[in-house]
Amino acid sequence: MTKTISEFNEKSIPLLLGCVIGMILGVPIFLIYGTPAFVIPLSEALDAGRGEVSGAINFGILGNLVAAPLVGKLSDKYGSRKMILLGVIFLSITLASFSLAQNIFHLMIISLTMVFFAAGTGPMTYTKIISAWFNRQRGLALGLALAGMGIGAMIIPVLNQYLITQYGWRAAYQYLGVIVFCVTFLPLYLTLKDNPPRDESQDQSENESEFNEGVSVKEALSSSTFWIIAIGFLFIAVGNSGLLGHLQPILLDAGLTTERAAIYTGAMGFGLVIGRTVAGYLLDLYHAPYVAIAFLAGPFLAYIFFLSGISTEYAIIPIVLFGIGMGAEFDVTPFLISRYFGLKNFSVLFGFQIVTFSLGTGFGPTIMGFGFDIYGTYDVTMISAMVSLAIGCLLISRLRGYRYTAGVH
């Protein structure tokens, strides 16, 4: 009987913790979860509509059209660690640069610059490292690492609102730039390594062997499986990001104070931590698309709650459910890439997936914002978001068995 050796050990655990710290303060946190607190202050200061502000900030996501595949290719060639450390420096600088914005065009340019040059702080690079160090327990490890984004989603809305209230939105951006560099750079420099040590157990040696296995980029891009994943999660991203990008304004319009709205928005991060950890564990046991579909019931319930007009006193419940549902969203994608296409070109392939996912993440809040500007309510776009989620779930349900399995358990 073969002895099963845990892949969580004295070398991999510090690395995992480093990934968690990095993802707490990565570029997606500030672009997705950090934006809602700034929507109203920026709208008032720049004399612009909420749709314009959301669209301008999310315009930066277009940078991922080039940056994600490029950083992915560089990560596969030179290592993810270098891309992450460079990304931290650029993220710190560009966050602080938002304080210089005088109009919508400035927001667009700064956001585009931030996403392009700080793309290395996104999940693409961290998940490549995690996938290299973990095989049999990859789902759980990815879930734990990506839970860092959930922690960030809890902390950043509250931190942003505090900084804005105390110092104004311009100073808030400056403080955020300093915080990112001081909190993340040194821990990441000390803990991250691209590959597991060569002299470890057989299980880890097998991981290293698997690290060099996988299909070519051309073969992956010609596969229907790749595009089912890409288009499916594009629709899911549109459905989820709309509510995500406007949750705080929705709560403020319903009569909550800015402080309470920030706390409620941060509670979604609690759901993300639970969702990503539990979903990660289940990915090692069950077919990943089914895990994702089951968890996406959370966002459906959240939309139904807000459309029903129930008192916002209980809004924290569907918000947590929304977070739990979203928890599976980003766990599943890197797991699917590693299982269907291997690790040889993981970063560049995941980079292409991030392109389509980013388009959805950009369209969702922008559509929701313009829907509000046109109709004076979010109801119409909430229904559209539910339809988008349903289409995404239908597409990923068509995925079949993995090509690269975890081997014997």
Protein backbone atom coordinates (compact mmCIF):
# COMPACT_ATOMS: atom_id res chain seq x y z
CA MET A 1 0.00 0.00 0.00
CA THR A 2 1.49 3.33 -1.10
CA LYS A 3 1.89 5.86 1.66
CA THR A 4 0.27 9.19 0.90
CA ILE A 5 2.57 12.06 1.79
CA SER A 6 1.04 15.46 2.44
CA GLU A 7 2.22 18.18 0.10
CA PHE A 8 1.82 20.70 2.92
CA ASN A 9 5.22 20.79 4.65
CA GLU A 10 7.81 23.15 6.14
CA LYS A 11 8.89 24.34 2.68
CA SER A 12 5.54 24.65 0.91
CA ILE A 13 3.56 26.26 3.75
CA PRO A 14 5.67 29.49 3.91
CA LEU A 15 5.41 29.73 0.13
CA LEU A 16 1.64 29.30 0.35
CA LEU A 17 1.43 32.03 3.01
CA GLY A 18 3.47 34.32 0.77
CA CYS A 19 0.98 33.75 -2.05
CA VAL A 20 -1.89 34.57 0.31
CA ILE A 21 -0.24 37.87 1.33
CA GLY A 22 0.38 38.77 -2.31
CA MET A 23 -3.19 38.09 -3.35
CA ILE A 24 -4.61 40.12 -0.46
CA LEU A 25 -3.08 43.22 -2.06
CA GLY A 26 -2.92 42.31 -5.76
CA VAL A 27 -4.17 44.44 -8.64
CA PRO A 28 -7.57 42.67 -8.93
CA ILE A 29 -8.41 43.60 -5.33
CA PHE A 30 -8.06 47.32 -6.00
CA LEU A 31 -9.64 47.23 -9.44
CA ILE A 32 -12.64 45.08 -8.51
CA TYR A 33 -13.21 45.23 -4.75
CA GLY A 34 -11.58 48.59 -4.08
CA THR A 35 -13.47 50.58 -6.72
CA PRO A 36 -16.99 50.78 -5.16
CA ALA A 37 -15.88 53.06 -2.29
CA PHE A 38 -14.45 55.53 -4.83
CA VAL A 39 -17.40 55.59 -7.28
CA ILE A 40 -19.47 58.29 -5.55
CA PRO A 41 -16.53 60.53 -4.41
CA LEU A 42 -15.00 60.42 -7.90
CA SER A 43 -18.39 61.01 -9.52
CA GLU A 44 -18.90 64.14 -7.41
CA ALA A 45 -15.33 65.43 -7.70
CA LEU A 46 -15.04 64.93 -11.46
CA ASP A 47 -18.67 65.87 -12.24
CA ALA A 48 -19.33 62.55 -13.97
CA GLY A 49 -21.97 59.81 -13.87
CA ARG A 50 -21.45 56.54 -12.03
CA GLY A 51 -21.34 54.69 -15.33
CA GLU A 52 -18.58 56.98 -16.58
CA VAL A 53 -16.51 56.51 -13.42
CA SER A 54 -16.95 52.73 -13.40
CA GLY A 55 -16.22 52.56 -17.10
CA ALA A 56 -13.11 54.73 -16.78
CA ILE A 57 -11.60 52.68 -13.96
CA ASN A 58 -12.54 49.39 -15.59
CA PHE A 59 -11.11 50.64 -18.87
CA GLY A 60 -7.81 49.50 -17.42
CA ILE A 61 -8.97 45.93 -17.76
CA LEU A 62 -8.31 46.32 -21.48
CA GLY A 63 -4.65 46.32 -20.52
CA ASN A 64 -5.06 42.65 -19.78
CA LEU A 65 -5.75 42.00 -23.46
CA VAL A 66 -2.01 42.42 -23.97
CA ALA A 67 -0.55 42.14 -20.47
CA ALA A 68 -2.05 38.81 -19.39
CA PRO A 69 -0.72 36.68 -22.29
CA LEU A 70 2.57 38.62 -22.27
CA VAL A 71 3.17 38.25 -18.54
CA GLY A 72 2.07 34.63 -18.82
CA LYS A 73 4.66 33.96 -21.52
CA LEU A 74 7.37 35.75 -19.52
CA SER A 75 6.40 33.80 -16.39
CA ASP A 76 6.68 30.48 -18.23
CA LYS A 77 10.09 31.52 -19.57
CA TYR A 78 11.70 33.45 -16.69
CA GLY A 79 9.63 32.48 -13.66
CA SER A 80 6.58 33.92 -11.92
CA ARG A 81 8.54 35.26 -8.94
CA LYS A 82 10.25 37.97 -11.00
CA MET A 83 6.95 39.04 -12.56
CA ILE A 84 5.31 39.29 -9.13
CA LEU A 85 8.05 41.43 -7.56
CA LEU A 86 8.14 43.81 -10.53
CA GLY A 87 4.34 43.98 -10.44
CA VAL A 88 4.32 45.00 -6.77
CA ILE A 89 6.57 47.98 -7.54
CA PHE A 90 4.39 49.13 -10.45
CA LEU A 91 1.16 48.59 -8.51
CA SER A 92 2.39 50.79 -5.66
CA ILE A 93 3.36 53.61 -8.04
CA THR A 94 0.19 53.53 -10.16
CA LEU A 95 -2.17 53.34 -7.18
CA ALA A 96 -0.64 56.50 -5.77
CA SER A 97 -0.91 58.09 -9.23
CA PHE A 98 -4.72 57.98 -9.10
CA SER A 99 -4.47 60.92 -6.69
CA LEU A 100 -3.37 63.08 -9.64
CA ALA A 101 -6.53 62.47 -11.72
CA GLN A 102 -8.39 65.61 -12.79
CA ASN A 103 -10.91 64.11 -15.19
CA ILE A 104 -12.31 60.85 -16.59
CA PHE A 105 -9.58 60.60 -19.22
CA HIS A 106 -6.91 60.65 -16.49
CA LEU A 107 -8.69 57.80 -14.69
CA MET A 108 -8.70 55.76 -17.89
CA ILE A 109 -4.99 56.24 -18.58
CA ILE A 110 -3.86 55.56 -14.99
CA SER A 111 -6.06 52.47 -14.74
CA LEU A 112 -4.79 51.14 -18.06
CA THR A 113 -1.18 51.71 -16.96
CA MET A 114 -1.79 50.02 -13.61
CA VAL A 115 -3.33 46.88 -15.07
CA PHE A 116 -0.72 46.55 -17.80
CA PHE A 117 2.40 46.99 -15.67
CA ALA A 118 1.10 45.41 -12.45
CA ALA A 119 -0.43 42.35 -14.11
CA GLY A 120 2.18 40.20 -12.38
CA THR A 121 0.39 40.72 -9.05
CA GLY A 122 -2.72 38.95 -10.36
CA PRO A 123 -3.65 35.32 -9.71
CA MET A 124 -2.06 34.04 -12.94
CA THR A 125 1.48 34.11 -11.54
CA TYR A 126 0.62 32.86 -8.06
CA THR A 127 -1.47 29.95 -9.34
CA LYS A 128 1.42 28.86 -11.59
CA ILE A 129 3.67 28.63 -8.52
CA ILE A 130 1.01 26.80 -6.48
CA SER A 131 0.35 24.35 -9.32
CA ALA A 132 4.08 23.58 -9.54
CA TRP A 133 4.33 22.82 -5.80
CA PHE A 134 1.06 20.91 -5.37
CA ASN A 135 -0.43 18.07 -7.40
CA ARG A 136 -2.73 15.73 -5.45
CA GLN A 137 -3.80 18.57 -3.14
CA ARG A 138 -3.73 21.24 -5.82
CA GLY A 139 -7.39 22.17 -5.48
CA LEU A 140 -7.10 22.78 -1.75
CA ALA A 141 -3.82 24.69 -2.15
CA LEU A 142 -5.30 26.89 -4.86
CA GLY A 143 -8.35 27.50 -2.70
CA LEU A 144 -6.26 28.52 0.30
CA ALA A 145 -4.03 30.80 -1.78
CA LEU A 146 -6.92 32.42 -3.64
CA ALA A 147 -8.67 32.93 -0.30
CA GLY A 148 -6.19 35.78 0.04
CA MET A 149 -8.34 37.67 -2.46
CA GLY A 150 -11.29 37.05 -0.14
CA ILE A 151 -9.35 38.50 2.77
CA GLY A 152 -8.48 41.48 0.59
CA ALA A 153 -12.14 41.84 -0.34
CA MET A 154 -12.96 42.05 3.38
CA ILE A 155 -10.23 44.52 4.27
CA ILE A 156 -9.96 46.87 1.29
CA PRO A 157 -13.56 48.24 1.13
CA VAL A 158 -13.43 49.13 4.83
CA LEU A 159 -9.88 50.50 4.58
CA ASN A 160 -10.75 52.54 1.49
CA GLN A 161 -13.84 54.02 3.13
CA TYR A 162 -11.86 54.91 6.26
CA LEU A 163 -9.08 56.59 4.27
CA ILE A 164 -11.57 58.49 2.11
CA THR A 165 -13.56 59.67 5.13
CA GLN A 166 -10.49 60.73 7.09
CA TYR A 167 -8.23 62.14 4.38
CA GLY A 168 -10.19 62.44 1.11
CA TRP A 169 -10.01 60.26 -1.99
CA ARG A 170 -6.74 61.67 -3.32
CA ALA A 171 -4.78 61.02 -0.13
CA ALA A 172 -6.49 57.62 0.15
CA TYR A 173 -4.91 56.51 -3.11
CA GLN A 174 -1.50 57.73 -1.95
CA TYR A 175 -1.75 55.77 1.30
CA LEU A 176 -2.79 52.64 -0.61
CA GLY A 177 0.30 52.83 -2.80
CA VAL A 178 2.57 52.98 0.26
CA ILE A 179 0.69 50.19 2.05
CA VAL A 180 1.00 47.79 -0.90
CA PHE A 181 4.77 48.11 -1.14
CA CYS A 182 5.49 48.05 2.60
CA VAL A 183 3.25 45.06 3.34
CA THR A 184 3.97 42.78 0.38
CA PHE A 185 7.40 43.25 -1.20
CA LEU A 186 9.68 41.81 1.49
CA PRO A 187 7.48 38.78 2.41
CA LEU A 188 7.15 37.88 -1.27
CA TYR A 189 10.89 38.31 -1.88
CA LEU A 190 11.69 35.93 1.00
CA THR A 191 9.05 33.20 0.49
CA LEU A 192 8.37 32.74 -3.22
CA LYS A 193 10.17 30.12 -5.31
CA ASP A 194 9.07 29.04 -8.75
CA ASN A 195 9.79 25.32 -8.43
CA PRO A 196 9.85 22.82 -5.53
CA PRO A 197 13.30 21.61 -4.37
CA ARG A 198 14.79 18.75 -6.38
CA ASP A 199 15.77 16.68 -3.35
CA GLU A 200 12.31 16.37 -1.84
CA SER A 201 9.98 13.35 -1.64
CA GLN A 202 8.93 11.34 -4.64
CA ASP A 203 5.58 13.09 -4.71
CA GLN A 204 7.26 16.46 -5.13
CA SER A 205 9.61 15.04 -7.77
CA GLU A 206 6.53 13.91 -9.64
CA ASN A 207 5.21 17.46 -9.34
CA GLU A 208 8.38 18.80 -10.94
CA SER A 209 8.06 16.28 -13.76
CA GLU A 210 4.46 17.32 -14.30
CA PHE A 211 5.59 20.95 -14.32
CA ASN A 212 7.23 20.30 -17.71
CA GLU A 213 4.28 18.39 -19.18
CA GLY A 214 1.46 19.89 -21.19
CA VAL A 215 0.11 20.71 -24.61
CA SER A 216 1.42 23.46 -26.88
CA VAL A 217 -0.25 26.86 -26.93
CA LYS A 218 -1.37 26.23 -30.52
CA GLU A 219 -2.99 22.92 -29.60
CA ALA A 220 -4.76 24.44 -26.61
CA LEU A 221 -6.10 27.41 -28.58
CA SER A 222 -7.48 25.05 -31.24
CA SER A 223 -9.31 23.03 -28.59
CA SER A 224 -13.06 23.47 -28.07
CA THR A 225 -12.48 22.80 -24.36
CA PHE A 226 -10.33 25.92 -24.06
CA TRP A 227 -13.01 28.13 -25.60
CA ILE A 228 -15.83 26.58 -23.59
CA ILE A 229 -13.91 27.53 -20.45
CA ALA A 230 -13.12 31.02 -21.78
CA ILE A 231 -16.59 31.95 -23.02
CA GLY A 232 -18.36 30.25 -20.12
CA PHE A 233 -16.43 32.20 -17.51
CA LEU A 234 -16.76 35.42 -19.54
CA PHE A 235 -20.54 35.20 -19.10
CA ILE A 236 -20.10 34.28 -15.43
CA ALA A 237 -17.78 37.26 -14.93
CA VAL A 238 -20.31 39.63 -16.50
CA GLY A 239 -23.02 38.27 -14.22
CA ASN A 240 -20.99 38.48 -11.03
CA SER A 241 -18.99 41.66 -11.52
CA GLY A 242 -22.00 43.90 -12.12
CA LEU A 243 -23.27 43.52 -8.56
CA LEU A 244 -19.73 43.41 -7.23
CA GLY A 245 -18.81 46.76 -8.77
CA HIS A 246 -21.93 48.55 -7.55
CA LEU A 247 -22.72 46.83 -4.28
CA GLN A 248 -21.71 49.77 -2.11
CA PRO A 249 -23.68 52.37 -4.13
CA ILE A 250 -26.70 50.02 -4.09
CA LEU A 251 -26.54 49.83 -0.30
CA LEU A 252 -26.05 53.60 0.03
CA ASP A 253 -29.06 54.25 -2.23
CA ALA A 254 -31.06 51.95 0.05
CA GLY A 255 -30.31 54.20 3.02
CA LEU A 256 -27.29 52.60 4.71
CA THR A 257 -24.52 54.82 6.08
CA THR A 258 -21.19 54.82 4.25
CA GLU A 259 -19.55 52.99 7.16
CA ARG A 260 -22.23 50.29 7.33
CA ALA A 261 -22.22 49.88 3.54
CA ALA A 262 -18.44 49.41 3.62
CA ILE A 263 -18.76 46.76 6.35
CA TYR A 264 -21.47 44.94 4.39
CA THR A 265 -19.35 45.06 1.24
CA GLY A 266 -16.39 43.72 3.20
CA ALA A 267 -18.56 40.86 4.48
CA MET A 268 -18.56 39.53 0.94
CA GLY A 269 -14.86 38.87 1.43
CA PHE A 270 -15.74 36.59 4.33
CA GLY A 271 -17.91 34.62 1.94
CA LEU A 272 -15.08 34.53 -0.59
CA VAL A 273 -12.69 33.03 1.96
CA ILE A 274 -15.20 30.29 2.83
CA GLY A 275 -16.14 29.69 -0.80
CA ARG A 276 -12.59 29.47 -2.10
CA THR A 277 -11.36 27.22 0.68
CA VAL A 278 -14.31 24.82 0.53
CA ALA A 279 -14.46 24.86 -3.28
CA GLY A 280 -10.72 24.19 -3.44
CA TYR A 281 -11.12 21.17 -1.21
CA LEU A 282 -14.03 19.87 -3.32
CA LEU A 283 -12.09 20.31 -6.57
CA ASP A 284 -9.78 17.49 -5.46
CA LEU A 285 -12.81 15.22 -4.98
CA TYR A 286 -15.38 16.10 -7.65
CA HIS A 287 -15.57 17.24 -11.27
CA ALA A 288 -14.68 20.96 -11.24
CA PRO A 289 -17.51 22.29 -13.47
CA TYR A 290 -20.13 20.73 -11.18
CA VAL A 291 -18.47 22.34 -8.15
CA ALA A 292 -18.56 25.74 -9.87
CA ILE A 293 -22.22 25.44 -10.89
CA ALA A 294 -23.28 24.43 -7.37
CA PHE A 295 -21.52 27.44 -5.84
CA LEU A 296 -22.92 29.89 -8.39
CA ALA A 297 -26.34 29.45 -6.78
CA GLY A 298 -25.08 32.07 -4.30
CA PRO A 299 -25.04 35.00 -6.76
CA PHE A 300 -28.49 33.99 -8.07
CA LEU A 301 -29.88 34.18 -4.54
CA ALA A 302 -28.22 37.55 -3.97
CA TYR A 303 -29.81 39.04 -7.10
CA ILE A 304 -33.21 37.66 -6.14
CA PHE A 305 -32.88 39.28 -2.72
CA PHE A 306 -32.14 42.75 -4.10
CA LEU A 307 -34.88 42.48 -6.74
CA SER A 308 -37.45 41.41 -4.12
CA GLY A 309 -37.18 44.66 -2.18
CA ILE A 310 -36.60 42.97 1.19
CA SER A 311 -35.20 45.25 3.92
CA THR A 312 -31.50 45.95 3.62
CA GLU A 313 -31.14 45.17 7.32
CA TYR A 314 -30.75 41.56 6.22
CA ALA A 315 -28.60 42.33 3.18
CA ILE A 316 -25.50 40.91 4.81
CA ILE A 317 -26.90 37.38 4.36
CA PRO A 318 -27.15 37.38 0.54
CA ILE A 319 -23.91 39.38 0.34
CA VAL A 320 -22.08 36.56 2.15
CA LEU A 321 -23.84 34.03 -0.10
CA PHE A 322 -22.71 36.07 -3.11
CA GLY A 323 -19.14 35.91 -1.83
CA ILE A 324 -19.33 32.15 -1.27
CA GLY A 325 -20.63 31.70 -4.81
CA MET A 326 -17.89 33.85 -6.29
CA GLY A 327 -15.36 31.89 -4.27
CA ALA A 328 -15.51 29.01 -6.71
CA GLU A 329 -15.28 31.25 -9.76
CA PHE A 330 -11.53 31.86 -9.75
CA ASP A 331 -10.58 28.60 -8.05
CA VAL A 332 -11.98 26.60 -10.92
CA THR A 333 -10.33 28.32 -13.89
CA PRO A 334 -6.63 27.68 -13.05
CA PHE A 335 -7.53 24.19 -11.85
CA LEU A 336 -9.20 23.43 -15.20
CA ILE A 337 -6.24 24.80 -17.18
CA SER A 338 -3.80 22.60 -15.27
CA ARG A 339 -5.96 19.48 -15.61
CA TYR A 340 -6.92 19.87 -19.27
CA PHE A 341 -3.70 21.37 -20.68
CA GLY A 342 -0.89 20.64 -18.17
CA LEU A 343 1.66 23.04 -16.68
CA LYS A 344 4.18 23.50 -19.48
CA ASN A 345 2.41 26.58 -20.86
CA PHE A 346 0.11 27.15 -17.90
CA SER A 347 0.74 30.88 -17.40
CA VAL A 348 0.29 31.93 -21.01
CA LEU A 349 -2.88 29.81 -21.36
CA PHE A 350 -4.26 31.12 -18.10
CA GLY A 351 -3.30 34.58 -19.35
CA PHE A 352 -5.57 34.14 -22.36
CA GLN A 353 -8.35 33.00 -20.02
CA ILE A 354 -7.81 36.12 -17.92
CA VAL A 355 -8.27 38.22 -21.08
CA THR A 356 -11.80 36.93 -21.62
CA PHE A 357 -12.54 36.94 -17.89
CA SER A 358 -11.30 40.54 -17.66
CA LEU A 359 -13.57 41.60 -20.50
CA GLY A 360 -16.50 40.22 -18.54
CA THR A 361 -15.28 41.87 -15.34
CA GLY A 362 -15.04 45.20 -17.19
CA PHE A 363 -18.38 44.96 -18.97
CA GLY A 364 -20.37 43.94 -15.88
CA PRO A 365 -19.93 47.07 -13.71
CA THR A 366 -19.99 49.36 -16.74
CA ILE A 367 -23.31 47.94 -17.98
CA MET A 368 -24.70 48.10 -14.45
CA GLY A 369 -23.59 51.73 -14.06
CA PHE A 370 -25.03 52.90 -17.38
CA GLY A 371 -28.21 50.92 -16.64
CA PHE A 372 -28.60 52.96 -13.47
CA ASP A 373 -27.89 56.22 -15.30
CA ILE A 374 -30.56 55.40 -17.92
CA TYR A 375 -33.31 53.83 -15.79
CA GLY A 376 -32.56 55.27 -12.35
CA THR A 377 -32.58 51.73 -10.96
CA TYR A 378 -30.41 48.60 -11.08
CA ASP A 379 -33.33 46.18 -11.58
CA VAL A 380 -33.08 45.78 -15.37
CA THR A 381 -29.35 45.04 -15.36
CA MET A 382 -29.69 42.68 -12.37
CA ILE A 383 -32.07 40.51 -14.41
CA SER A 384 -29.64 40.64 -17.35
CA ALA A 385 -26.83 39.57 -15.01
CA MET A 386 -28.81 36.50 -13.92
CA VAL A 387 -29.29 35.51 -17.55
CA SER A 388 -25.56 35.89 -18.14
CA LEU A 389 -24.81 33.60 -15.17
CA ALA A 390 -27.21 30.97 -16.51
CA ILE A 391 -25.54 30.97 -19.94
CA GLY A 392 -22.10 30.59 -18.34
CA CYS A 393 -23.22 27.66 -16.20
CA LEU A 394 -24.78 25.94 -19.22
CA LEU A 395 -21.52 26.23 -21.18
CA ILE A 396 -19.15 24.88 -18.51
CA SER A 397 -21.53 21.98 -17.79
CA ARG A 398 -20.44 20.61 -21.19
CA LEU A 399 -16.84 19.98 -20.04
CA ARG A 400 -15.87 16.33 -19.76
CA GLY A 401 -13.02 14.30 -18.15
CA TYR A 402 -9.52 15.71 -17.44
CA ARG A 403 -6.47 15.00 -19.60
CA TYR A 404 -3.91 15.45 -16.78
CA THR A 405 -5.05 13.83 -13.55
CA ALA A 406 -3.51 13.88 -10.07
CA GLY A 407 -2.47 10.25 -10.31
CA VAL A 408 -3.08 7.62 -7.67
CA HIS A 409 -4.48 8.90 -4.37
